[in-house]
Amino acid sequence: MYDTSYLQWPFFEEHHAHLAQALDDWATNHVPQHHEADVDAACRALVRSLGQGGWLRHAVGGMAYGGAQDSMDTRSICLIRETLGRHSGLADFAFAMQGLGSGAISLAGSPAQKEAYLPRVARGDAIAAFALSEPEAGSDVAAMQCAARVEGDHAVLQGCKTWISNGGIADFYVVFARTGEAPGARGISAFIVDADTPGFSVSERIHVMAPHPLGTLRFDNCRIPLSQRIGAAGEGFKVAMRTLDVFRTSVAAAALGFARRALAEGLHRATQRKMFNQTLADFQLTQAKLAQMATTIDSSALLVYRAAWQRDQGRPVTKEAAMAKMVSTEGAQHVIDAAVQLWGGMGVVSEVPVERLYREIRALRIYEGATEVQQLIIARELLRDTGYSSLHKPT
């Protein structure tokens, strides 16, 4: 059993509690605890299942395009990711990438683009991907080298992207490329590239410690109509940051789900494991560990749902999302490590839940902005509020 009293916090409306409970019930019956060895097939199956269950409707914006609401509700997205994260890291990944991969279209796409892509994403009929990172441009987006030149009514993409989730299984990619309207981040545009476009290829599949589809993309004179550009030329960086403001908070929510599962597993082990004529839970050291785990989880949850609520109110959320992402992912790492310790030798046996969580949490401290990047964002926002102006202005 999980403590769901937090759903009564003032951040939520009544429908949020119903959503979380309904998804928990559904996931219990539809999300496998152990996925097949073919991770591509497992992800495709999860996307179809999430679409058929109606959950992917929350990953896209606009009821006219298959969305659950006219705009994306960050609290709903976070509750879904937290709940799926408790059940399966791969199920959380499948949901999240449908939202992140199509988020730029939901936020800034034309009506024609929304009609062409979002209903298929919501049904689970098309798999989406978000292609921002490059070999020399991960956290430093302004260093992007992948370029797009305009030739008549087409854009021609040249370059590569890497660390792209769903790389190799996506039906379309939202790709960010340098178009040169201004230096640095102000000269980037966003494009939709279908997977069957000539000149596009997946040149490498990347295998990581918590398996999910990941790859390197190459664009070799890849021609796409300018009608596939999202928003105006040079606005791609803004589109990317708006998308990340939604889904960075949801990364924190996924970490929160992992941490809640780890605490549940730790409590189970502590109350069942016999040791020295008592149970593990009888030791004060164990009780102290459990107390710290629970407190870390609640402090993370407060930051996560403050940021989600704030975005849903239309308020600036860059600093708050960064705080939530940093504290929740770092905190979950500590909670999961403590759960592994409580499980002892069994905690490092392959595919035991706490071992799986230990592998799954590590990447969350890096992707969508590593912890160190979140610290820079928070400090930058604090300094900006004081009116401080640095002599060195980033591009």
Protein backbone atom coordinates (compact mmCIF):
# COMPACT_ATOMS: atom_id res chain seq x y z
CA MET A 1 0.00 0.00 0.00
CA TYR A 2 1.15 3.52 -0.81
CA ASP A 3 0.36 6.67 1.14
CA THR A 4 -1.83 8.78 -1.14
CA SER A 5 -2.71 11.46 1.41
CA TYR A 6 -0.63 13.94 -0.59
CA LEU A 7 -3.42 13.94 -3.20
CA GLN A 8 -5.40 16.04 -0.69
CA TRP A 9 -2.81 18.82 -0.81
CA PRO A 10 -4.15 22.16 -2.10
CA PHE A 11 -2.06 21.80 -5.27
CA PHE A 12 -4.63 19.34 -6.64
CA GLU A 13 -8.21 19.38 -7.82
CA GLU A 14 -10.63 16.50 -7.28
CA HIS A 15 -10.10 15.07 -10.75
CA HIS A 16 -6.37 14.67 -10.11
CA ALA A 17 -6.97 12.18 -7.28
CA HIS A 18 -9.39 10.21 -9.48
CA LEU A 19 -6.82 10.17 -12.28
CA ALA A 20 -4.04 8.84 -10.03
CA GLN A 21 -6.25 6.10 -8.57
CA ALA A 22 -7.64 5.03 -11.94
CA LEU A 23 -4.17 4.80 -13.46
CA ASP A 24 -2.83 2.85 -10.49
CA ASP A 25 -5.64 0.32 -10.89
CA TRP A 26 -5.07 0.11 -14.66
CA ALA A 27 -1.30 -0.24 -14.35
CA THR A 28 -1.65 -3.06 -11.84
CA ASN A 29 -3.43 -5.10 -14.53
CA HIS A 30 -1.76 -3.87 -17.73
CA VAL A 31 1.87 -2.97 -17.00
CA PRO A 32 4.20 -5.98 -16.75
CA GLN A 33 6.79 -6.01 -13.99
CA HIS A 34 9.26 -7.80 -16.24
CA HIS A 35 9.55 -6.75 -19.88
CA GLU A 36 10.62 -8.89 -22.80
CA ALA A 37 14.27 -8.87 -23.81
CA ASP A 38 13.50 -6.94 -27.01
CA VAL A 39 13.26 -3.44 -25.55
CA ASP A 40 12.06 -1.92 -28.84
CA ALA A 41 9.15 -4.34 -28.99
CA ALA A 42 8.40 -3.74 -25.30
CA CYS A 43 8.25 0.02 -25.82
CA ARG A 44 6.02 -0.28 -28.87
CA ALA A 45 3.68 -2.54 -26.92
CA LEU A 46 3.58 -0.11 -23.98
CA VAL A 47 2.81 2.85 -26.25
CA ARG A 48 -0.06 0.93 -27.84
CA SER A 49 -1.37 -0.15 -24.45
CA LEU A 50 -1.14 3.36 -22.97
CA GLY A 51 -2.91 4.73 -26.04
CA GLN A 52 -5.69 2.16 -25.86
CA GLY A 53 -6.10 2.89 -22.15
CA GLY A 54 -6.58 6.60 -22.91
CA TRP A 55 -3.57 7.72 -20.88
CA LEU A 56 -1.63 9.22 -23.78
CA ARG A 57 -4.41 11.79 -24.21
CA HIS A 58 -2.79 13.58 -21.27
CA ALA A 59 0.53 13.80 -23.13
CA VAL A 60 -0.80 16.08 -25.88
CA GLY A 61 -2.53 19.44 -25.79
CA GLY A 62 -5.87 20.25 -27.41
CA MET A 63 -9.12 18.30 -27.17
CA ALA A 64 -9.64 18.87 -30.89
CA TYR A 65 -6.46 16.87 -31.51
CA GLY A 66 -7.11 13.98 -29.15
CA GLY A 67 -5.88 15.61 -25.95
CA ALA A 68 -7.58 15.16 -22.58
CA GLN A 69 -7.76 18.95 -22.13
CA ASP A 70 -7.37 22.05 -24.27
CA SER A 71 -3.88 22.57 -22.90
CA MET A 72 -1.46 20.19 -21.23
CA ASP A 73 -2.08 19.92 -17.49
CA THR A 74 1.30 19.59 -15.81
CA ARG A 75 -0.11 18.15 -12.60
CA SER A 76 -1.82 15.36 -14.55
CA ILE A 77 1.37 14.60 -16.47
CA CYS A 78 3.35 14.49 -13.23
CA LEU A 79 0.84 12.24 -11.47
CA ILE A 80 0.86 9.88 -14.44
CA ARG A 81 4.65 9.73 -14.51
CA GLU A 82 4.88 9.25 -10.75
CA THR A 83 2.31 6.43 -10.87
CA LEU A 84 3.84 4.69 -13.87
CA GLY A 85 7.30 5.12 -12.32
CA ARG A 86 6.16 3.13 -9.28
CA HIS A 87 5.07 0.29 -11.56
CA SER A 88 7.69 0.30 -14.34
CA GLY A 89 10.46 2.62 -15.45
CA LEU A 90 9.93 1.55 -19.06
CA ALA A 91 6.21 2.35 -18.92
CA ASP A 92 7.06 5.80 -17.56
CA PHE A 93 9.58 6.24 -20.37
CA ALA A 94 7.02 5.24 -23.03
CA PHE A 95 4.52 7.79 -21.75
CA ALA A 96 7.04 10.56 -21.22
CA MET A 97 8.55 10.36 -24.69
CA GLN A 98 5.14 10.61 -26.33
CA GLY A 99 4.71 13.90 -24.50
CA LEU A 100 8.23 15.26 -24.85
CA GLY A 101 8.50 14.16 -28.48
CA SER A 102 5.28 15.89 -29.48
CA GLY A 103 5.37 18.69 -26.89
CA ALA A 104 6.71 21.32 -29.28
CA ILE A 105 3.81 20.58 -31.65
CA SER A 106 1.28 20.87 -28.81
CA LEU A 107 2.78 24.17 -27.66
CA ALA A 108 3.72 25.90 -30.91
CA GLY A 109 2.64 23.79 -33.87
CA SER A 110 0.30 24.98 -36.62
CA PRO A 111 -3.26 23.60 -36.77
CA ALA A 112 -2.21 21.44 -39.74
CA GLN A 113 0.77 20.03 -37.82
CA LYS A 114 -1.36 19.32 -34.77
CA GLU A 115 -3.99 17.56 -36.89
CA ALA A 116 -1.38 15.46 -38.67
CA TYR A 117 0.53 14.26 -35.60
CA LEU A 118 -1.17 14.74 -32.23
CA PRO A 119 -4.19 12.42 -32.65
CA ARG A 120 -1.86 9.57 -33.66
CA VAL A 121 0.36 10.25 -30.64
CA ALA A 122 -2.66 10.26 -28.32
CA ARG A 123 -3.93 6.95 -29.72
CA GLY A 124 -0.50 5.33 -29.53
CA ASP A 125 -0.47 4.88 -33.31
CA ALA A 126 2.70 6.97 -33.80
CA ILE A 127 5.82 7.13 -31.64
CA ALA A 128 7.40 10.55 -31.11
CA ALA A 129 10.95 11.70 -30.34
CA PHE A 130 12.66 14.95 -29.26
CA ALA A 131 16.01 15.52 -30.99
CA LEU A 132 18.00 18.31 -29.32
CA SER A 133 21.33 16.91 -28.05
CA GLU A 134 24.46 16.57 -30.17
CA PRO A 135 27.94 15.12 -29.54
CA GLU A 136 29.27 18.58 -28.60
CA ALA A 137 25.98 20.24 -27.61
CA GLY A 138 24.12 18.64 -24.75
CA SER A 139 23.56 21.04 -21.90
CA ASP A 140 25.12 23.82 -24.00
CA VAL A 141 22.39 24.10 -26.63
CA ALA A 142 23.99 27.24 -28.12
CA ALA A 143 26.88 25.05 -29.34
CA MET A 144 24.55 23.22 -31.73
CA GLN A 145 26.10 22.36 -35.10
CA CYS A 146 23.29 20.52 -36.92
CA ALA A 147 22.15 23.02 -39.53
CA ALA A 148 19.22 23.65 -41.83
CA ARG A 149 19.48 25.82 -44.93
CA VAL A 150 16.49 27.11 -46.85
CA GLU A 151 16.18 26.16 -50.51
CA GLY A 152 12.97 27.49 -51.98
CA ASP A 153 10.06 26.04 -50.02
CA HIS A 154 12.20 23.38 -48.35
CA ALA A 155 14.72 23.19 -45.52
CA VAL A 156 17.76 20.96 -45.98
CA LEU A 157 19.13 19.44 -42.77
CA GLN A 158 22.77 18.44 -42.38
CA GLY A 159 24.45 17.05 -39.27
CA CYS A 160 23.73 14.66 -36.42
CA LYS A 161 21.93 14.29 -33.11
CA THR A 162 22.77 11.83 -30.36
CA TRP A 163 21.40 10.48 -27.08
CA ILE A 164 17.96 10.64 -28.70
CA SER A 165 15.37 8.62 -26.82
CA ASN A 166 13.14 6.55 -29.11
CA GLY A 167 15.90 6.83 -31.70
CA GLY A 168 15.30 3.90 -34.02
CA ILE A 169 11.63 3.29 -33.22
CA ALA A 170 10.06 6.75 -33.57
CA ASP A 171 7.74 7.51 -36.47
CA PHE A 172 8.70 11.18 -36.38
CA TYR A 173 11.28 13.41 -34.71
CA VAL A 174 11.09 17.03 -33.58
CA VAL A 175 14.55 18.20 -34.61
CA PHE A 176 16.29 21.44 -33.60
CA ALA A 177 18.78 22.84 -36.10
CA ARG A 178 20.81 25.98 -36.56
CA THR A 179 19.24 28.29 -39.15
CA GLY A 180 21.40 31.35 -38.50
CA GLU A 181 18.92 34.17 -37.93
CA ALA A 182 21.11 35.36 -35.02
CA PRO A 183 24.15 34.11 -33.06
CA GLY A 184 23.90 31.35 -30.49
CA ALA A 185 20.55 30.13 -29.22
CA ARG A 186 18.65 32.83 -31.11
CA GLY A 187 19.46 31.24 -34.46
CA ILE A 188 17.84 27.82 -33.99
CA SER A 189 14.61 26.51 -35.53
CA ALA A 190 12.48 23.42 -34.90
CA PHE A 191 11.33 20.97 -37.59
CA ILE A 192 9.24 17.81 -37.79
CA VAL A 193 11.10 15.05 -39.62
CA ASP A 194 9.26 11.84 -40.49
CA ALA A 195 11.31 8.67 -40.04
CA ASP A 196 10.97 7.69 -43.72
CA THR A 197 12.32 11.02 -45.05
CA PRO A 198 15.18 10.52 -47.55
CA GLY A 199 18.50 11.66 -46.10
CA PHE A 200 17.52 10.70 -42.56
CA SER A 201 19.00 7.66 -40.84
CA VAL A 202 19.65 6.18 -37.41
CA SER A 203 23.39 5.59 -37.59
CA GLU A 204 23.90 4.00 -34.16
CA ARG A 205 21.92 2.43 -31.35
CA ILE A 206 23.17 3.26 -27.86
CA HIS A 207 22.88 0.71 -25.05
CA VAL A 208 22.58 2.02 -21.51
CA MET A 209 22.34 0.53 -18.01
CA ALA A 210 18.54 0.85 -17.82
CA PRO A 211 17.64 -0.29 -21.35
CA HIS A 212 15.41 1.86 -23.51
CA PRO A 213 15.50 2.81 -27.20
CA LEU A 214 18.30 5.34 -27.71
CA GLY A 215 20.21 6.30 -30.80
CA THR A 216 22.27 8.67 -32.93
CA LEU A 217 20.53 10.35 -35.86
CA ARG A 218 22.14 11.54 -39.08
CA PHE A 219 20.86 14.05 -41.61
CA ASP A 220 22.54 14.01 -45.02
CA ASN A 221 20.92 16.62 -47.26
CA CYS A 222 17.61 15.71 -45.68
CA ARG A 223 14.95 17.81 -47.42
CA ILE A 224 11.71 18.64 -45.67
CA PRO A 225 8.99 21.15 -46.57
CA LEU A 226 9.13 24.45 -44.72
CA SER A 227 5.58 23.67 -43.65
CA GLN A 228 7.25 21.18 -41.25
CA ARG A 229 8.93 24.00 -39.33
CA ILE A 230 7.37 24.54 -35.89
CA GLY A 231 6.81 28.23 -35.26
CA ALA A 232 8.82 31.00 -36.90
CA ALA A 233 12.44 30.80 -38.02
CA GLY A 234 14.86 31.34 -35.13
CA GLU A 235 12.31 30.48 -32.44
CA GLY A 236 13.37 26.88 -31.93
CA PHE A 237 15.28 27.51 -28.71
CA LYS A 238 12.24 29.16 -27.12
CA VAL A 239 10.08 26.25 -28.24
CA ALA A 240 12.57 23.77 -26.76
CA MET A 241 12.71 25.61 -23.42
CA ARG A 242 8.90 25.85 -23.21
CA THR A 243 8.71 22.11 -23.81
CA LEU A 244 11.36 21.36 -21.21
CA ASP A 245 9.63 23.58 -18.64
CA VAL A 246 6.70 21.15 -18.82
CA PHE A 247 8.60 17.90 -18.93
CA ARG A 248 11.53 18.78 -16.65
CA THR A 249 9.05 18.88 -13.78
CA SER A 250 7.68 15.51 -14.88
CA VAL A 251 11.19 14.00 -14.75
CA ALA A 252 11.16 14.96 -11.09
CA ALA A 253 7.77 13.26 -10.74
CA ALA A 254 9.11 10.05 -12.29
CA ALA A 255 12.00 10.10 -9.80
CA LEU A 256 9.43 10.59 -7.04
CA GLY A 257 7.58 7.48 -8.25
CA PHE A 258 10.82 5.49 -8.20
CA ALA A 259 11.50 6.70 -4.66
CA ARG A 260 8.01 5.79 -3.43
CA ARG A 261 8.43 2.26 -4.80
CA ALA A 262 11.85 2.00 -3.14
CA LEU A 263 10.42 3.05 0.24
CA ALA A 264 7.65 0.47 -0.10
CA GLU A 265 10.20 -2.22 -0.93
CA GLY A 266 12.39 -1.09 1.98
CA LEU A 267 9.48 -1.21 4.42
CA HIS A 268 8.53 -4.68 3.22
CA ARG A 269 12.06 -5.96 3.67
CA ALA A 270 12.52 -4.27 7.06
CA THR A 271 9.33 -5.75 8.49
CA GLN A 272 9.87 -9.26 7.09
CA ARG A 273 13.61 -9.86 7.47
CA LYS A 274 14.50 -11.78 10.65
CA MET A 275 17.83 -10.91 12.24
CA PHE A 276 19.30 -11.59 15.71
CA ASN A 277 15.97 -12.76 17.16
CA GLN A 278 14.11 -9.69 15.95
CA THR A 279 13.22 -8.05 12.65
CA LEU A 280 15.32 -5.57 10.73
CA ALA A 281 12.69 -2.90 11.50
CA ASP A 282 13.38 -3.20 15.22
CA PHE A 283 16.86 -1.70 14.90
CA GLN A 284 17.11 2.04 15.50
CA LEU A 285 19.53 2.34 12.57
CA THR A 286 16.82 0.93 10.29
CA GLN A 287 14.20 3.26 11.73
CA ALA A 288 16.46 6.26 11.17
CA LYS A 289 17.01 5.21 7.57
CA LEU A 290 13.28 4.78 6.94
CA ALA A 291 12.55 8.18 8.50
CA GLN A 292 15.10 9.88 6.25
CA MET A 293 13.70 8.12 3.19
CA ALA A 294 10.14 9.23 3.95
CA THR A 295 11.16 12.81 4.68
CA THR A 296 13.18 13.02 1.46
CA ILE A 297 10.16 11.80 -0.51
CA ASP A 298 7.77 14.33 1.00
CA SER A 299 10.17 17.24 0.50
CA SER A 300 10.61 16.21 -3.14
CA ALA A 301 6.85 15.88 -3.64
CA LEU A 302 6.25 19.39 -2.31
CA LEU A 303 8.71 20.86 -4.81
CA VAL A 304 7.40 18.75 -7.70
CA TYR A 305 3.77 19.65 -7.26
CA ARG A 306 4.48 23.28 -6.43
CA ALA A 307 6.23 23.59 -9.79
CA ALA A 308 3.45 21.69 -11.59
CA TRP A 309 0.74 23.80 -9.96
CA GLN A 310 2.61 26.99 -10.72
CA ARG A 311 2.91 26.17 -14.42
CA ASP A 312 -0.76 25.27 -14.60
CA GLN A 313 -1.55 28.70 -13.15
CA GLY A 314 0.38 30.30 -15.99
CA ARG A 315 3.18 31.54 -13.75
CA PRO A 316 6.92 31.48 -14.54
CA VAL A 317 8.32 28.13 -13.52
CA THR A 318 11.92 27.90 -14.74
CA LYS A 319 13.51 28.16 -11.29
CA GLU A 320 10.88 26.04 -9.56
CA ALA A 321 11.10 23.28 -12.19
CA ALA A 322 14.88 23.22 -11.84
CA MET A 323 14.61 22.98 -8.04
CA ALA A 324 12.11 20.13 -8.33
CA LYS A 325 14.22 18.24 -10.84
CA MET A 326 17.41 18.63 -8.84
CA VAL A 327 16.02 17.74 -5.41
CA SER A 328 13.75 14.92 -6.58
CA THR A 329 16.32 13.09 -8.69
CA GLU A 330 19.15 13.47 -6.19
CA GLY A 331 16.82 12.53 -3.34
CA ALA A 332 15.51 9.47 -5.16
CA GLN A 333 19.07 8.29 -5.68
CA HIS A 334 19.61 8.37 -1.89
CA VAL A 335 16.27 6.71 -1.14
CA ILE A 336 16.87 3.90 -3.63
CA ASP A 337 20.43 3.36 -2.38
CA ALA A 338 19.05 3.04 1.15
CA ALA A 339 16.48 0.50 -0.05
CA VAL A 340 19.21 -1.57 -1.70
CA GLN A 341 21.14 -1.48 1.57
CA LEU A 342 18.09 -2.69 3.48
CA TRP A 343 17.75 -5.58 1.08
CA GLY A 344 21.39 -6.54 1.60
CA GLY A 345 22.79 -9.12 -0.81
CA MET A 346 19.37 -9.63 -2.40
CA GLY A 347 19.36 -5.95 -3.32
CA VAL A 348 21.96 -6.43 -6.04
CA VAL A 349 20.38 -9.49 -7.64
CA SER A 350 19.43 -8.73 -11.24
CA GLU A 351 15.79 -7.66 -11.74
CA VAL A 352 14.93 -7.53 -8.04
CA PRO A 353 12.82 -4.32 -7.88
CA VAL A 354 15.36 -2.29 -5.88
CA GLU A 355 18.19 -3.34 -8.23
CA ARG A 356 16.14 -2.29 -11.22
CA LEU A 357 15.32 1.04 -9.57
CA TYR A 358 19.01 1.58 -8.82
CA ARG A 359 19.81 1.37 -12.54
CA GLU A 360 16.79 3.39 -13.62
CA ILE A 361 17.33 6.39 -11.35
CA ARG A 362 20.90 7.13 -12.38
CA ALA A 363 20.05 8.53 -15.82
CA LEU A 364 17.40 10.88 -14.43
CA ARG A 365 20.11 12.88 -12.67
CA ILE A 366 21.59 13.62 -16.10
CA TYR A 367 18.98 13.88 -18.83
CA GLU A 368 16.85 16.99 -19.47
CA GLY A 369 19.57 18.93 -17.69
CA ALA A 370 22.09 17.39 -15.30
CA THR A 371 21.97 18.36 -11.63
CA GLU A 372 24.83 20.80 -12.15
CA VAL A 373 22.89 22.52 -14.93
CA GLN A 374 19.85 22.83 -12.64
CA GLN A 375 22.09 24.52 -10.07
CA LEU A 376 23.23 27.02 -12.70
CA ILE A 377 19.62 27.71 -13.73
CA ILE A 378 18.52 28.28 -10.13
CA ALA A 379 21.45 30.60 -9.40
CA ARG A 380 20.93 32.51 -12.66
CA GLU A 381 17.27 33.11 -11.81
CA LEU A 382 18.14 34.24 -8.28
CA LEU A 383 20.78 36.66 -9.54
CA ARG A 384 18.44 38.00 -12.22
CA ASP A 385 15.89 38.80 -9.50
CA THR A 386 18.47 40.98 -7.74
CA GLY A 387 19.11 42.95 -10.93
CA TYR A 388 22.65 41.61 -11.21
CA SER A 389 24.09 41.78 -14.71
CA SER A 390 27.12 39.59 -15.43
CA LEU A 391 29.99 40.93 -17.52
CA HIS A 392 29.92 37.57 -19.30
CA LYS A 393 26.58 37.10 -21.02
CA PRO A 394 25.89 33.61 -22.36
CA THR A 395 24.58 33.32 -25.91
